[in-house]
Amino acid sequence: MPATVEIPLPDSLLLHSKDLASLEQRSRFLLAAKFFELGELSSGQAAEMSGLTRASFLLEAGRQGIPVAELSEDELATEFE
């Protein structure tokens, strides 16, 4: 069974969410995305933590400006050609 952490959130965050369930989903995604960005979770682990498929997680992370792939300089050059 995975570990569970309870984190108190300010009520003001509810202003940016439809309801408590959407706030929980958004919070899970943002926390998972940050751990992914720091290299502490794989994309699969982050997707599982956020309750998304891996593809959905990677798409949303990209939309949030989080790099989802590390390319070498040669790979980058090829992409830009």
PDB file of N, CA and C in Angstrom:
ATOM      1  N   MET A   1       0.852  -1.184   0.000  1.00  0.00           N
ATOM      2  CA  MET A   1       0.000   0.000   0.000  1.00  0.00           C
ATOM      3  C   MET A   1       0.892   1.240   0.000  1.00  0.00           C
ATOM      4  N   PRO A   2       0.619   2.207  -0.893  1.00  0.00           N
ATOM      5  CA  PRO A   2       1.448   3.421  -0.941  1.00  0.00           C
ATOM      6  C   PRO A   2       1.246   4.272   0.315  1.00  0.00           C
ATOM      7  N   ALA A   3       2.261   5.037   0.629  1.00  0.00           N
ATOM      8  CA  ALA A   3       2.181   5.957   1.760  1.00  0.00           C
ATOM      9  C   ALA A   3       1.211   7.089   1.425  1.00  0.00           C
ATOM     10  N   THR A   4       0.592   7.622   2.446  1.00  0.00           N
ATOM     11  CA  THR A   4      -0.343   8.732   2.279  1.00  0.00           C
ATOM     12  C   THR A   4       0.123   9.897   3.138  1.00  0.00           C
ATOM     13  N   VAL A   5       0.076  11.086   2.561  1.00  0.00           N
ATOM     14  CA  VAL A   5       0.450  12.305   3.271  1.00  0.00           C
ATOM     15  C   VAL A   5      -0.744  13.241   3.245  1.00  0.00           C
ATOM     16  N   GLU A   6      -1.054  13.802   4.379  1.00  0.00           N
ATOM     17  CA  GLU A   6      -2.139  14.774   4.449  1.00  0.00           C
ATOM     18  C   GLU A   6      -1.525  16.160   4.522  1.00  0.00           C
ATOM     19  N   ILE A   7      -1.937  17.035   3.620  1.00  0.00           N
ATOM     20  CA  ILE A   7      -1.383  18.382   3.549  1.00  0.00           C
ATOM     21  C   ILE A   7      -2.510  19.398   3.656  1.00  0.00           C
ATOM     22  N   PRO A   8      -2.496  20.220   4.698  1.00  0.00           N
ATOM     23  CA  PRO A   8      -3.525  21.260   4.795  1.00  0.00           C
ATOM     24  C   PRO A   8      -3.341  22.300   3.680  1.00  0.00           C
ATOM     25  N   LEU A   9      -4.438  22.689   3.056  1.00  0.00           N
ATOM     26  CA  LEU A   9      -4.399  23.685   1.991  1.00  0.00           C
ATOM     27  C   LEU A   9      -5.282  24.869   2.392  1.00  0.00           C
ATOM     28  N   PRO A  10      -4.874  26.070   2.023  1.00  0.00           N
ATOM     29  CA  PRO A  10      -5.712  27.230   2.340  1.00  0.00           C
ATOM     30  C   PRO A  10      -7.035  27.180   1.592  1.00  0.00           C
ATOM     31  N   ASP A  11      -8.079  27.634   2.237  1.00  0.00           N
ATOM     32  CA  ASP A  11      -9.400  27.673   1.611  1.00  0.00           C
ATOM     33  C   ASP A  11      -9.396  28.503   0.330  1.00  0.00           C
ATOM     34  N   SER A  12      -8.495  29.467   0.230  1.00  0.00           N
ATOM     35  CA  SER A  12      -8.449  30.325  -0.951  1.00  0.00           C
ATOM     36  C   SER A  12      -8.186  29.530  -2.232  1.00  0.00           C
ATOM     37  N   LEU A  13      -7.573  28.346  -2.114  1.00  0.00           N
ATOM     38  CA  LEU A  13      -7.349  27.529  -3.309  1.00  0.00           C
ATOM     39  C   LEU A  13      -8.656  27.028  -3.908  1.00  0.00           C
ATOM     40  N   LEU A  14      -9.687  26.955  -3.103  1.00  0.00           N
ATOM     41  CA  LEU A  14     -10.987  26.539  -3.629  1.00  0.00           C
ATOM     42  C   LEU A  14     -11.548  27.549  -4.626  1.00  0.00           C
ATOM     43  N   LEU A  15     -11.076  28.788  -4.554  1.00  0.00           N
ATOM     44  CA  LEU A  15     -11.524  29.801  -5.508  1.00  0.00           C
ATOM     45  C   LEU A  15     -11.078  29.468  -6.927  1.00  0.00           C
ATOM     46  N   HIS A  16     -10.002  28.690  -7.045  1.00  0.00           N
ATOM     47  CA  HIS A  16      -9.447  28.339  -8.354  1.00  0.00           C
ATOM     48  C   HIS A  16      -9.907  26.965  -8.828  1.00  0.00           C
ATOM     49  N   SER A  17     -10.755  26.319  -8.048  1.00  0.00           N
ATOM     50  CA  SER A  17     -11.236  24.979  -8.381  1.00  0.00           C
ATOM     51  C   SER A  17     -12.752  24.944  -8.282  1.00  0.00           C
ATOM     52  N   LYS A  18     -13.352  24.021  -9.014  1.00  0.00           N
ATOM     53  CA  LYS A  18     -14.806  23.879  -8.994  1.00  0.00           C
ATOM     54  C   LYS A  18     -15.301  23.352  -7.654  1.00  0.00           C
ATOM     55  N   ASP A  19     -14.548  22.391  -7.111  1.00  0.00           N
ATOM     56  CA  ASP A  19     -14.950  21.760  -5.870  1.00  0.00           C
ATOM     57  C   ASP A  19     -13.738  21.100  -5.219  1.00  0.00           C
ATOM     58  N   LEU A  20     -13.952  20.488  -4.091  1.00  0.00           N
ATOM     59  CA  LEU A  20     -12.854  19.870  -3.358  1.00  0.00           C
ATOM     60  C   LEU A  20     -12.201  18.734  -4.136  1.00  0.00           C
ATOM     61  N   ALA A  21     -13.002  17.961  -4.870  1.00  0.00           N
ATOM     62  CA  ALA A  21     -12.458  16.851  -5.661  1.00  0.00           C
ATOM     63  C   ALA A  21     -11.521  17.356  -6.759  1.00  0.00           C
ATOM     64  N   SER A  22     -11.894  18.435  -7.437  1.00  0.00           N
ATOM     65  CA  SER A  22     -11.018  18.967  -8.491  1.00  0.00           C
ATOM     66  C   SER A  22      -9.771  19.594  -7.890  1.00  0.00           C
ATOM     67  N   LEU A  23      -9.882  20.184  -6.702  1.00  0.00           N
ATOM     68  CA  LEU A  23      -8.702  20.719  -6.015  1.00  0.00           C
ATOM     69  C   LEU A  23      -7.750  19.588  -5.640  1.00  0.00           C
ATOM     70  N   GLU A  24      -8.304  18.477  -5.167  1.00  0.00           N
ATOM     71  CA  GLU A  24      -7.467  17.325  -4.832  1.00  0.00           C
ATOM     72  C   GLU A  24      -6.756  16.802  -6.074  1.00  0.00           C
ATOM     73  N   GLN A  25      -7.481  16.667  -7.186  1.00  0.00           N
ATOM     74  CA  GLN A  25      -6.887  16.173  -8.435  1.00  0.00           C
ATOM     75  C   GLN A  25      -5.775  17.112  -8.907  1.00  0.00           C
ATOM     76  N   ARG A  26      -6.044  18.393  -8.891  1.00  0.00           N
ATOM     77  CA  ARG A  26      -5.039  19.380  -9.326  1.00  0.00           C
ATOM     78  C   ARG A  26      -3.810  19.333  -8.421  1.00  0.00           C
ATOM     79  N   SER A  27      -4.027  19.229  -7.123  1.00  0.00           N
ATOM     80  CA  SER A  27      -2.921  19.174  -6.162  1.00  0.00           C
ATOM     81  C   SER A  27      -2.078  17.920  -6.368  1.00  0.00           C
ATOM     82  N   ARG A  28      -2.745  16.789  -6.605  1.00  0.00           N
ATOM     83  CA  ARG A  28      -2.012  15.533  -6.847  1.00  0.00           C
ATOM     84  C   ARG A  28      -1.165  15.656  -8.117  1.00  0.00           C
ATOM     85  N   PHE A  29      -1.761  16.246  -9.181  1.00  0.00           N
ATOM     86  CA  PHE A  29      -1.013  16.408 -10.422  1.00  0.00           C
ATOM     87  C   PHE A  29       0.197  17.320 -10.215  1.00  0.00           C
ATOM     88  N   LEU A  30      -0.018  18.473  -9.585  1.00  0.00           N
ATOM     89  CA  LEU A  30       1.072  19.438  -9.413  1.00  0.00           C
ATOM     90  C   LEU A  30       2.207  18.870  -8.566  1.00  0.00           C
ATOM     91  N   LEU A  31       1.873  18.136  -7.526  1.00  0.00           N
ATOM     92  CA  LEU A  31       2.900  17.530  -6.687  1.00  0.00           C
ATOM     93  C   LEU A  31       3.655  16.446  -7.457  1.00  0.00           C
ATOM     94  N   ALA A  32       2.921  15.610  -8.168  1.00  0.00           N
ATOM     95  CA  ALA A  32       3.554  14.564  -8.976  1.00  0.00           C
ATOM     96  C   ALA A  32       4.430  15.177 -10.069  1.00  0.00           C
ATOM     97  N   ALA A  33       3.937  16.241 -10.699  1.00  0.00           N
ATOM     98  CA  ALA A  33       4.691  16.896 -11.772  1.00  0.00           C
ATOM     99  C   ALA A  33       6.000  17.479 -11.244  1.00  0.00           C
ATOM    100  N   LYS A  34       5.956  18.058 -10.060  1.00  0.00           N
ATOM    101  CA  LYS A  34       7.179  18.637  -9.498  1.00  0.00           C
ATOM    102  C   LYS A  34       8.192  17.541  -9.172  1.00  0.00           C
ATOM    103  N   PHE A  35       7.734  16.451  -8.577  1.00  0.00           N
ATOM    104  CA  PHE A  35       8.641  15.331  -8.299  1.00  0.00           C
ATOM    105  C   PHE A  35       9.217  14.761  -9.600  1.00  0.00           C
ATOM    106  N   PHE A  36       8.389  14.718 -10.668  1.00  0.00           N
ATOM    107  CA  PHE A  36       8.861  14.272 -11.972  1.00  0.00           C
ATOM    108  C   PHE A  36       9.915  15.228 -12.513  1.00  0.00           C
ATOM    109  N   GLU A  37       9.629  16.521 -12.431  1.00  0.00           N
ATOM    110  CA  GLU A  37      10.557  17.542 -12.930  1.00  0.00           C
ATOM    111  C   GLU A  37      11.904  17.462 -12.206  1.00  0.00           C
ATOM    112  N   LEU A  38      11.877  17.153 -10.912  1.00  0.00           N
ATOM    113  CA  LEU A  38      13.105  17.034 -10.117  1.00  0.00           C
ATOM    114  C   LEU A  38      13.829  15.711 -10.354  1.00  0.00           C
ATOM    115  N   GLY A  39      13.202  14.805 -11.111  1.00  0.00           N
ATOM    116  CA  GLY A  39      13.814  13.515 -11.390  1.00  0.00           C
ATOM    117  C   GLY A  39      13.620  12.506 -10.272  1.00  0.00           C
ATOM    118  N   GLU A  40      12.703  12.782  -9.365  1.00  0.00           N
ATOM    119  CA  GLU A  40      12.471  11.883  -8.236  1.00  0.00           C
ATOM    120  C   GLU A  40      11.389  10.848  -8.529  1.00  0.00           C
ATOM    121  N   LEU A  41      10.604  11.062  -9.575  1.00  0.00           N
ATOM    122  CA  LEU A  41       9.610  10.093 -10.027  1.00  0.00           C
ATOM    123  C   LEU A  41       9.750   9.912 -11.530  1.00  0.00           C
ATOM    124  N   SER A  42       9.515   8.697 -12.000  1.00  0.00           N
ATOM    125  CA  SER A  42       9.440   8.464 -13.441  1.00  0.00           C
ATOM    126  C   SER A  42       8.100   9.005 -13.926  1.00  0.00           C
ATOM    127  N   SER A  43       7.942   9.108 -15.234  1.00  0.00           N
ATOM    128  CA  SER A  43       6.664   9.597 -15.761  1.00  0.00           C
ATOM    129  C   SER A  43       5.534   8.626 -15.421  1.00  0.00           C
ATOM    130  N   GLY A  44       5.829   7.337 -15.400  1.00  0.00           N
ATOM    131  CA  GLY A  44       4.816   6.353 -15.030  1.00  0.00           C
ATOM    132  C   GLY A  44       4.390   6.487 -13.575  1.00  0.00           C
ATOM    133  N   GLN A  45       5.372   6.676 -12.695  1.00  0.00           N
ATOM    134  CA  GLN A  45       5.062   6.856 -11.275  1.00  0.00           C
ATOM    135  C   GLN A  45       4.277   8.139 -11.048  1.00  0.00           C
ATOM    136  N   ALA A  46       4.678   9.210 -11.723  1.00  0.00           N
ATOM    137  CA  ALA A  46       3.986  10.492 -11.581  1.00  0.00           C
ATOM    138  C   ALA A  46       2.559  10.388 -12.120  1.00  0.00           C
ATOM    139  N   ALA A  47       2.386   9.674 -13.224  1.00  0.00           N
ATOM    140  CA  ALA A  47       1.050   9.486 -13.783  1.00  0.00           C
ATOM    141  C   ALA A  47       0.171   8.724 -12.796  1.00  0.00           C
ATOM    142  N   GLU A  48       0.722   7.666 -12.231  1.00  0.00           N
ATOM    143  CA  GLU A  48      -0.045   6.879 -11.255  1.00  0.00           C
ATOM    144  C   GLU A  48      -0.413   7.735 -10.042  1.00  0.00           C
ATOM    145  N   MET A  49       0.543   8.514  -9.551  1.00  0.00           N
ATOM    146  CA  MET A  49       0.288   9.372  -8.395  1.00  0.00           C
ATOM    147  C   MET A  49      -0.807  10.393  -8.696  1.00  0.00           C
ATOM    148  N   SER A  50      -0.827  10.900  -9.911  1.00  0.00           N
ATOM    149  CA  SER A  50      -1.807  11.929 -10.264  1.00  0.00           C
ATOM    150  C   SER A  50      -3.129  11.348 -10.767  1.00  0.00           C
ATOM    151  N   GLY A  51      -3.199  10.022 -10.897  1.00  0.00           N
ATOM    152  CA  GLY A  51      -4.447   9.394 -11.337  1.00  0.00           C
ATOM    153  C   GLY A  51      -4.708   9.512 -12.820  1.00  0.00           C
ATOM    154  N   LEU A  52      -3.660   9.705 -13.601  1.00  0.00           N
ATOM    155  CA  LEU A  52      -3.780   9.844 -15.054  1.00  0.00           C
ATOM    156  C   LEU A  52      -3.062   8.703 -15.753  1.00  0.00           C
ATOM    157  N   THR A  53      -3.349   8.523 -17.033  1.00  0.00           N
ATOM    158  CA  THR A  53      -2.530   7.618 -17.835  1.00  0.00           C
ATOM    159  C   THR A  53      -1.183   8.298 -18.058  1.00  0.00           C
ATOM    160  N   ARG A  54      -0.181   7.531 -18.423  1.00  0.00           N
ATOM    161  CA  ARG A  54       1.146   8.114 -18.664  1.00  0.00           C
ATOM    162  C   ARG A  54       1.074   9.140 -19.795  1.00  0.00           C
ATOM    163  N   ALA A  55       0.370   8.817 -20.860  1.00  0.00           N
ATOM    164  CA  ALA A  55       0.259   9.747 -21.993  1.00  0.00           C
ATOM    165  C   ALA A  55      -0.429  11.042 -21.566  1.00  0.00           C
ATOM    166  N   SER A  56      -1.512  10.928 -20.809  1.00  0.00           N
ATOM    167  CA  SER A  56      -2.220  12.127 -20.342  1.00  0.00           C
ATOM    168  C   SER A  56      -1.345  12.960 -19.420  1.00  0.00           C
ATOM    169  N   PHE A  57      -0.602  12.279 -18.552  1.00  0.00           N
ATOM    170  CA  PHE A  57       0.293  13.011 -17.652  1.00  0.00           C
ATOM    171  C   PHE A  57       1.347  13.781 -18.446  1.00  0.00           C
ATOM    172  N   LEU A  58       1.976  13.119 -19.418  1.00  0.00           N
ATOM    173  CA  LEU A  58       3.020  13.774 -20.208  1.00  0.00           C
ATOM    174  C   LEU A  58       2.473  14.943 -21.014  1.00  0.00           C
ATOM    175  N   LEU A  59       1.276  14.788 -21.570  1.00  0.00           N
ATOM    176  CA  LEU A  59       0.665  15.889 -22.319  1.00  0.00           C
ATOM    177  C   LEU A  59       0.383  17.082 -21.408  1.00  0.00           C
ATOM    178  N   GLU A  60      -0.186  16.827 -20.240  1.00  0.00           N
ATOM    179  CA  GLU A  60      -0.505  17.920 -19.319  1.00  0.00           C
ATOM    180  C   GLU A  60       0.764  18.551 -18.765  1.00  0.00           C
ATOM    181  N   ALA A  61       1.775  17.749 -18.465  1.00  0.00           N
ATOM    182  CA  ALA A  61       3.045  18.299 -17.977  1.00  0.00           C
ATOM    183  C   ALA A  61       3.652  19.225 -19.032  1.00  0.00           C
ATOM    184  N   GLY A  62       3.610  18.809 -20.288  1.00  0.00           N
ATOM    185  CA  GLY A  62       4.104  19.653 -21.372  1.00  0.00           C
ATOM    186  C   GLY A  62       3.333  20.948 -21.476  1.00  0.00           C
ATOM    187  N   ARG A  63       2.017  20.880 -21.319  1.00  0.00           N
ATOM    188  CA  ARG A  63       1.194  22.097 -21.348  1.00  0.00           C
ATOM    189  C   ARG A  63       1.530  23.029 -20.195  1.00  0.00           C
ATOM    190  N   GLN A  64       1.984  22.468 -19.094  1.00  0.00           N
ATOM    191  CA  GLN A  64       2.351  23.269 -17.921  1.00  0.00           C
ATOM    192  C   GLN A  64       3.795  23.772 -17.992  1.00  0.00           C
ATOM    193  N   GLY A  65       4.479  23.479 -19.116  1.00  0.00           N
ATOM    194  CA  GLY A  65       5.845  23.964 -19.300  1.00  0.00           C
ATOM    195  C   GLY A  65       6.910  23.102 -18.646  1.00  0.00           C
ATOM    196  N   ILE A  66       6.553  21.888 -18.274  1.00  0.00           N
ATOM    197  CA  ILE A  66       7.513  20.970 -17.656  1.00  0.00           C
ATOM    198  C   ILE A  66       8.129  20.128 -18.764  1.00  0.00           C
ATOM    199  N   PRO A  67       9.455  20.159 -18.889  1.00  0.00           N
ATOM    200  CA  PRO A  67      10.105  19.349 -19.929  1.00  0.00           C
ATOM    201  C   PRO A  67       9.801  17.869 -19.710  1.00  0.00           C
ATOM    202  N   VAL A  68       9.368  17.188 -20.758  1.00  0.00           N
ATOM    203  CA  VAL A  68       9.013  15.780 -20.615  1.00  0.00           C
ATOM    204  C   VAL A  68      10.028  14.845 -21.263  1.00  0.00           C
ATOM    205  N   ALA A  69      11.042  15.410 -21.930  1.00  0.00           N
ATOM    206  CA  ALA A  69      12.082  14.588 -22.558  1.00  0.00           C
ATOM    207  C   ALA A  69      13.396  15.343 -22.497  1.00  0.00           C
ATOM    208  N   GLU A  70      14.439  14.600 -22.207  1.00  0.00           N
ATOM    209  CA  GLU A  70      15.777  15.191 -22.251  1.00  0.00           C
ATOM    210  C   GLU A  70      16.449  14.726 -23.530  1.00  0.00           C
ATOM    211  N   LEU A  71      16.780  15.672 -24.373  1.00  0.00           N
ATOM    212  CA  LEU A  71      17.429  15.350 -25.636  1.00  0.00           C
ATOM    213  C   LEU A  71      18.875  15.832 -25.600  1.00  0.00           C
ATOM    214  N   SER A  72      19.752  15.037 -26.202  1.00  0.00           N
ATOM    215  CA  SER A  72      21.150  15.449 -26.309  1.00  0.00           C
ATOM    216  C   SER A  72      21.242  16.587 -27.318  1.00  0.00           C
ATOM    217  N   GLU A  73      22.392  17.233 -27.387  1.00  0.00           N
ATOM    218  CA  GLU A  73      22.576  18.324 -28.356  1.00  0.00           C
ATOM    219  C   GLU A  73      22.407  17.830 -29.777  1.00  0.00           C
ATOM    220  N   ASP A  74      22.901  16.634 -30.078  1.00  0.00           N
ATOM    221  CA  ASP A  74      22.736  16.047 -31.413  1.00  0.00           C
ATOM    222  C   ASP A  74      21.259  15.795 -31.734  1.00  0.00           C
ATOM    223  N   GLU A  75      20.513  15.278 -30.746  1.00  0.00           N
ATOM    224  CA  GLU A  75      19.087  15.023 -30.948  1.00  0.00           C
ATOM    225  C   GLU A  75      18.327  16.330 -31.143  1.00  0.00           C
ATOM    226  N   LEU A  76      18.691  17.363 -30.376  1.00  0.00           N
ATOM    227  CA  LEU A  76      18.064  18.661 -30.547  1.00  0.00           C
ATOM    228  C   LEU A  76      18.334  19.230 -31.933  1.00  0.00           C
ATOM    229  N   ALA A  77      19.584  19.137 -32.385  1.00  0.00           N
ATOM    230  CA  ALA A  77      19.943  19.651 -33.701  1.00  0.00           C
ATOM    231  C   ALA A  77      19.122  18.946 -34.779  1.00  0.00           C
ATOM    232  N   THR A  78      18.964  17.640 -34.653  1.00  0.00           N
ATOM    233  CA  THR A  78      18.180  16.868 -35.615  1.00  0.00           C
ATOM    234  C   THR A  78      16.717  17.333 -35.599  1.00  0.00           C
ATOM    235  N   GLU A  79      16.168  17.562 -34.412  1.00  0.00           N
ATOM    236  CA  GLU A  79      14.790  18.007 -34.304  1.00  0.00           C
ATOM    237  C   GLU A  79      14.560  19.359 -34.963  1.00  0.00           C
ATOM    238  N   PHE A  80      15.545  20.258 -34.878  1.00  0.00           N
ATOM    239  CA  PHE A  80      15.387  21.597 -35.421  1.00  0.00           C
ATOM    240  C   PHE A  80      15.676  21.681 -36.917  1.00  0.00           C
ATOM    241  N   GLU A  81      16.214  20.630 -37.507  1.00  0.00           N
ATOM    242  CA  GLU A  81      16.525  20.640 -38.953  1.00  0.00           C
ATOM    243  C   GLU A  81      15.292  20.529 -39.803  1.00  0.00           C
TER     244      GLU A  81
END
